[in-house]
Protein backbone atom coordinates (compact mmCIF):
# COMPACT_ATOMS: atom_id res chain seq x y z
CA MET A 1 53.40 143.65 109.58
CA LEU A 2 54.72 142.66 113.00
CA GLY A 3 54.62 139.03 111.93
CA GLU A 4 56.84 139.85 108.95
CA LEU A 5 59.35 141.69 111.14
CA SER A 6 59.37 138.93 113.70
CA ALA A 7 60.27 136.39 110.95
CA ARG A 8 63.56 138.15 110.28
CA ASN A 9 65.40 136.70 113.26
CA ALA A 10 64.84 134.28 116.13
CA ILE A 11 64.87 136.82 118.97
CA SER A 12 62.22 139.04 117.25
CA GLY A 13 60.14 135.94 116.68
CA LYS A 14 60.26 134.96 120.36
CA VAL A 15 59.34 138.46 121.46
CA HIS A 16 56.44 138.59 119.01
CA ALA A 17 55.15 135.16 120.06
CA SER A 18 55.45 136.13 123.76
CA TYR A 19 53.57 139.39 123.28
CA THR A 20 50.85 137.76 121.19
CA ALA A 21 50.30 135.09 123.86
CA PHE A 22 50.17 137.80 126.60
CA ARG A 23 47.67 139.80 124.57
CA GLU A 24 45.41 136.79 124.15
CA ARG A 25 45.49 135.99 127.87
CA SER A 26 45.04 139.58 129.10
CA ALA A 27 42.26 140.65 126.73
CA PRO A 28 39.38 139.23 128.79
CA TRP A 29 40.64 141.02 131.94
CA SER A 30 41.06 144.30 130.07
CA ARG A 31 37.48 144.01 128.99
CA VAL A 32 36.34 143.47 132.57
CA SER A 33 38.20 146.54 133.82
CA ILE A 34 37.10 148.75 130.92
CA GLU A 35 33.49 147.75 131.38
CA ALA A 36 33.71 148.44 135.12
CA VAL A 37 35.11 151.98 134.60
CA LEU A 38 32.50 152.87 132.03
CA ARG A 39 29.69 151.54 134.19
CA ALA A 40 30.94 153.70 137.05
CA ARG A 41 30.79 156.68 134.70
CA GLY A 42 27.26 155.77 133.58
CA GLN A 43 28.37 154.95 130.04
CA THR A 44 27.62 151.88 127.94
CA PHE A 45 30.28 149.64 126.47
CA PHE A 46 30.36 147.54 123.37
CA LEU A 47 33.37 145.55 122.20
CA VAL A 48 33.51 143.06 119.36
CA PRO A 49 34.97 139.77 120.54
CA MET A 50 38.55 139.17 119.33
CA GLU A 51 37.35 136.03 117.47
CA GLN A 52 35.21 138.26 115.17
CA LYS A 53 38.04 140.65 114.42
CA ARG A 54 40.18 138.10 112.62
């Protein structure tokens, strides 16, 4: 859906591309921080890699 909206004009497309690139770069670091918090709380953590979600 966001892809469709971003195709409507150039500015929306640039914003969507920038956000998507950021999300791809930041996902591994988010996983590291989430795992650390849950380990500190004594909980387990399981996350499906992004490659498998597509």
